[in-house]
Amino acid sequence: MRPVHLVLLLAACAGPTTYKPPVTTPDQGDTTPAVLADENNYKPAYGKADLEKALITERGREATAERVLTDFEAHGTDATDDQMRTAAADLAVLRRFIASLEACQDNGRNCPPRLDDPAWTFDYAADKPAPPPLDTALRFDLADWQKVTAELHGRACACRTLACVDSVGVAIDQVEGRPMADVQGDEAASQSLTWARECLFRLRGKEAVASAQRPVLDP
């Protein structure tokens, strides 16, 4: 058999060639459907009606906080410098929380996972501080750790005061190192803590590194 015939025969026996597209890495501008689908992995438990009620309530709180701060500024002798600074800081956090609700209402994205009313309180600076007041039991097997971190995510994004922002940050630091190493590395729990810290950064007025996954509100 001539060599050219042998080559043709081998090619025919090999069957059709399967095309494998090149792998696109995130730093090459990956916008594949799989990446976009990740944005829909988390959905808040509340709906649009609850969101609208929350906006009305929080705008009322904002108006009250503005009046309090204005009174402090107009009658400085009635308030200490610490009270004025706290009032100004709390108003700034509240406005950022309202902005997150408005963004959620406008485009259904970056929604707080929960609306927390009444809001979270945690006196972490007490002489004998209690454990963080989570609804979820502080157990550190995999399933419970996922629930704890999911709640911390929700608590962080629902903060309306600087004290809440500070105390949720402390709570995260207190519990983050307690699970066993293999549980600490769970992807879902780690993502919840990343989301929580992003919310705390945003409520402080700082820019956080964007996460690939974001809470969204159903239309």
Protein backbone atom coordinates (compact mmCIF):
# COMPACT_ATOMS: atom_id res chain seq x y z
CA MET A 1 0.00 0.00 0.00
CA ARG A 2 1.31 3.41 -0.91
CA PRO A 3 2.09 5.80 1.98
CA VAL A 4 -0.52 8.36 0.90
CA HIS A 5 -3.23 5.67 0.90
CA LEU A 6 -2.18 4.58 4.39
CA VAL A 7 -2.51 8.15 5.71
CA LEU A 8 -6.00 8.50 4.23
CA LEU A 9 -7.08 5.16 5.70
CA LEU A 10 -5.85 6.09 9.20
CA ALA A 11 -7.64 9.44 9.03
CA ALA A 12 -10.90 7.75 8.05
CA CYS A 13 -10.64 5.26 10.91
CA ALA A 14 -10.01 8.00 13.51
CA GLY A 15 -13.60 9.29 13.21
CA PRO A 16 -14.78 12.91 13.38
CA THR A 17 -12.70 15.40 15.36
CA THR A 18 -14.41 16.93 18.43
CA TYR A 19 -14.02 20.71 18.65
CA LYS A 20 -12.99 22.01 22.04
CA PRO A 21 -13.39 25.79 22.45
CA PRO A 22 -10.60 27.66 24.23
CA VAL A 23 -11.01 28.21 27.96
CA THR A 24 -11.71 31.83 28.89
CA THR A 25 -10.32 32.97 32.22
CA PRO A 26 -11.94 35.76 34.26
CA ASP A 27 -9.17 38.24 33.53
CA GLN A 28 -9.94 37.85 29.81
CA GLY A 29 -13.40 39.30 30.28
CA ASP A 30 -15.36 36.10 30.85
CA THR A 31 -19.11 36.72 30.39
CA THR A 32 -20.18 33.13 29.77
CA PRO A 33 -23.74 32.07 30.72
CA ALA A 34 -22.32 30.04 33.62
CA VAL A 35 -20.80 33.14 35.20
CA LEU A 36 -23.95 35.21 34.69
CA ALA A 37 -26.09 32.42 36.11
CA ASP A 38 -24.13 32.62 39.37
CA GLU A 39 -25.75 36.00 40.01
CA ASN A 40 -29.07 34.21 40.54
CA ASN A 41 -27.83 31.82 43.23
CA TYR A 42 -29.34 33.78 46.13
CA LYS A 43 -32.83 35.23 46.38
CA PRO A 44 -34.21 37.16 49.38
CA ALA A 45 -37.20 35.73 51.21
CA TYR A 46 -39.24 38.96 50.95
CA GLY A 47 -41.10 40.30 47.93
CA LYS A 48 -41.70 43.68 46.32
CA ALA A 49 -44.55 44.62 48.67
CA ASP A 50 -42.33 44.07 51.71
CA LEU A 51 -39.57 46.05 50.02
CA GLU A 52 -41.89 49.01 49.41
CA LYS A 53 -43.06 48.98 53.04
CA ALA A 54 -39.44 48.89 54.21
CA LEU A 55 -38.57 51.87 52.04
CA ILE A 56 -41.43 53.91 53.50
CA THR A 57 -40.35 53.00 57.05
CA GLU A 58 -36.66 53.71 56.47
CA ARG A 59 -37.32 57.05 54.76
CA GLY A 60 -39.36 58.03 57.82
CA ARG A 61 -36.42 57.08 60.04
CA GLU A 62 -34.11 59.07 57.80
CA ALA A 63 -36.27 62.20 58.18
CA THR A 64 -36.29 61.79 61.97
CA ALA A 65 -32.53 61.28 62.08
CA GLU A 66 -32.00 64.38 59.93
CA ARG A 67 -34.10 66.47 62.35
CA VAL A 68 -32.16 65.14 65.34
CA LEU A 69 -28.84 65.99 63.73
CA THR A 70 -30.07 69.43 62.70
CA ASP A 71 -31.18 70.10 66.28
CA PHE A 72 -27.79 68.97 67.58
CA GLU A 73 -26.02 71.29 65.17
CA ALA A 74 -28.32 74.23 65.99
CA HIS A 75 -28.07 73.75 69.76
CA GLY A 76 -24.59 72.38 70.26
CA THR A 77 -24.77 72.77 74.02
CA ASP A 78 -27.51 70.13 74.14
CA ALA A 79 -25.28 67.41 72.71
CA THR A 80 -21.74 66.23 73.22
CA ASP A 81 -19.32 65.93 70.34
CA ASP A 82 -19.61 62.13 70.58
CA GLN A 83 -23.40 62.30 70.29
CA MET A 84 -23.17 64.50 67.22
CA ARG A 85 -20.57 62.26 65.59
CA THR A 86 -22.67 59.17 66.32
CA ALA A 87 -25.82 60.81 64.94
CA ALA A 88 -24.00 61.84 61.76
CA ALA A 89 -22.41 58.41 61.29
CA ASP A 90 -25.71 56.60 61.89
CA LEU A 91 -27.50 58.83 59.40
CA ALA A 92 -24.83 58.07 56.77
CA VAL A 93 -25.22 54.30 57.32
CA LEU A 94 -29.01 54.57 57.18
CA ARG A 95 -28.83 56.48 53.90
CA ARG A 96 -26.60 53.80 52.39
CA PHE A 97 -29.02 51.10 53.54
CA ILE A 98 -31.88 53.02 51.91
CA ALA A 99 -29.78 53.31 48.75
CA SER A 100 -29.43 49.51 48.69
CA LEU A 101 -33.22 49.15 48.99
CA GLU A 102 -33.73 51.65 46.18
CA ALA A 103 -31.27 49.78 43.94
CA CYS A 104 -33.11 46.57 44.74
CA GLN A 105 -36.42 48.19 43.83
CA ASP A 106 -35.06 49.72 40.61
CA ASN A 107 -33.26 46.74 39.10
CA GLY A 108 -33.79 43.79 41.45
CA ARG A 109 -30.08 43.37 42.26
CA ASN A 110 -27.81 43.74 45.29
CA CYS A 111 -30.82 43.27 47.55
CA PRO A 112 -30.30 42.83 51.31
CA PRO A 113 -31.10 39.19 52.13
CA ARG A 114 -33.32 40.24 55.04
CA LEU A 115 -34.93 43.46 56.27
CA ASP A 116 -34.38 42.97 60.03
CA ASP A 117 -36.97 45.00 61.90
CA PRO A 118 -36.26 45.32 64.77
CA ALA A 119 -32.60 45.72 63.92
CA TRP A 120 -29.70 43.64 65.26
CA THR A 121 -28.14 44.65 68.60
CA PHE A 122 -24.98 43.08 70.10
CA ASP A 123 -23.07 44.63 73.02
CA TYR A 124 -19.71 43.10 72.21
CA ALA A 125 -17.88 45.59 74.48
CA ALA A 126 -19.63 44.48 77.68
CA ASP A 127 -17.48 43.25 80.58
CA LYS A 128 -18.81 39.74 80.01
CA PRO A 129 -20.06 39.79 76.41
CA ALA A 130 -22.58 37.15 75.44
CA PRO A 131 -22.26 35.15 72.23
CA PRO A 132 -23.55 36.91 69.10
CA PRO A 133 -27.39 36.95 69.25
CA LEU A 134 -27.99 34.85 66.17
CA ASP A 135 -31.25 33.05 65.51
CA THR A 136 -29.18 30.09 64.34
CA ALA A 137 -27.59 27.88 67.00
CA LEU A 138 -23.82 28.24 67.16
CA ARG A 139 -22.93 24.72 66.12
CA PHE A 140 -20.05 24.12 63.76
CA ASP A 141 -20.82 21.04 61.71
CA LEU A 142 -21.06 21.81 58.01
CA ALA A 143 -24.85 22.27 57.75
CA ASP A 144 -25.06 24.55 60.81
CA TRP A 145 -21.99 26.55 59.79
CA GLN A 146 -23.63 27.29 56.45
CA LYS A 147 -26.74 28.53 58.30
CA VAL A 148 -24.66 30.67 60.68
CA THR A 149 -22.76 32.34 57.85
CA ALA A 150 -25.94 32.88 55.83
CA GLU A 151 -27.50 34.66 58.82
CA LEU A 152 -24.38 36.80 59.32
CA HIS A 153 -24.64 37.79 55.67
CA GLY A 154 -28.24 38.84 56.20
CA ARG A 155 -27.50 40.69 59.43
CA ALA A 156 -24.60 42.60 57.86
CA CYS A 157 -26.58 43.84 54.87
CA ALA A 158 -29.51 44.98 57.05
CA CYS A 159 -27.48 47.31 59.32
CA ARG A 160 -28.83 50.83 59.73
CA THR A 161 -26.36 52.16 62.34
CA LEU A 162 -22.60 52.25 62.73
CA ALA A 163 -22.91 50.25 65.96
CA CYS A 164 -24.61 47.47 64.00
CA VAL A 165 -21.90 47.54 61.33
CA ASP A 166 -19.18 47.34 63.99
CA SER A 167 -20.87 44.60 66.01
CA VAL A 168 -21.63 42.34 63.04
CA GLY A 169 -17.98 42.67 62.03
CA VAL A 170 -16.96 41.59 65.53
CA ALA A 171 -19.42 38.68 65.44
CA ILE A 172 -17.94 37.46 62.15
CA ASP A 173 -14.43 37.64 63.60
CA GLN A 174 -15.54 35.79 66.74
CA VAL A 175 -17.09 32.80 64.99
CA GLU A 176 -15.06 32.54 61.78
CA GLY A 177 -12.21 30.53 63.27
CA ARG A 178 -14.30 28.13 65.34
CA PRO A 179 -15.27 25.39 62.82
CA MET A 180 -12.81 22.64 61.93
CA ALA A 181 -10.52 23.45 59.01
CA ASP A 182 -12.43 21.34 56.50
CA VAL A 183 -15.70 23.06 57.44
CA GLN A 184 -14.10 26.52 57.33
CA GLY A 185 -13.19 25.91 53.71
CA ASP A 186 -16.77 25.24 52.61
CA GLU A 187 -17.46 27.28 49.48
CA ALA A 188 -21.04 28.28 50.37
CA ALA A 189 -20.09 29.46 53.87
CA SER A 190 -17.06 31.34 52.57
CA GLN A 191 -19.23 33.07 49.96
CA SER A 192 -21.71 34.15 52.65
CA LEU A 193 -18.93 35.72 54.71
CA THR A 194 -17.57 37.46 51.60
CA TRP A 195 -21.02 38.91 50.90
CA ALA A 196 -21.35 39.96 54.56
CA ARG A 197 -18.06 41.84 54.51
CA GLU A 198 -18.95 43.49 51.20
CA CYS A 199 -22.14 44.84 52.81
CA LEU A 200 -20.23 46.12 55.84
CA PHE A 201 -17.73 47.90 53.57
CA ARG A 202 -20.51 49.43 51.52
CA LEU A 203 -22.44 50.62 54.58
CA ARG A 204 -19.27 52.28 55.86
CA GLY A 205 -19.04 54.15 52.58
CA LYS A 206 -16.07 52.15 51.35
CA GLU A 207 -15.78 50.28 48.09
CA ALA A 208 -15.55 46.50 48.43
CA VAL A 209 -14.12 44.09 45.88
CA ALA A 210 -17.02 42.98 43.68
CA SER A 211 -18.22 39.40 44.10
CA ALA A 212 -19.22 37.22 41.17
CA GLN A 213 -22.52 36.38 42.83
CA ARG A 214 -25.17 38.84 43.99
CA PRO A 215 -28.57 38.56 45.65
CA VAL A 216 -31.44 39.31 43.30
CA LEU A 217 -35.14 39.94 43.83
CA ASP A 218 -37.67 38.00 41.78
CA PRO A 219 -39.70 40.15 39.37
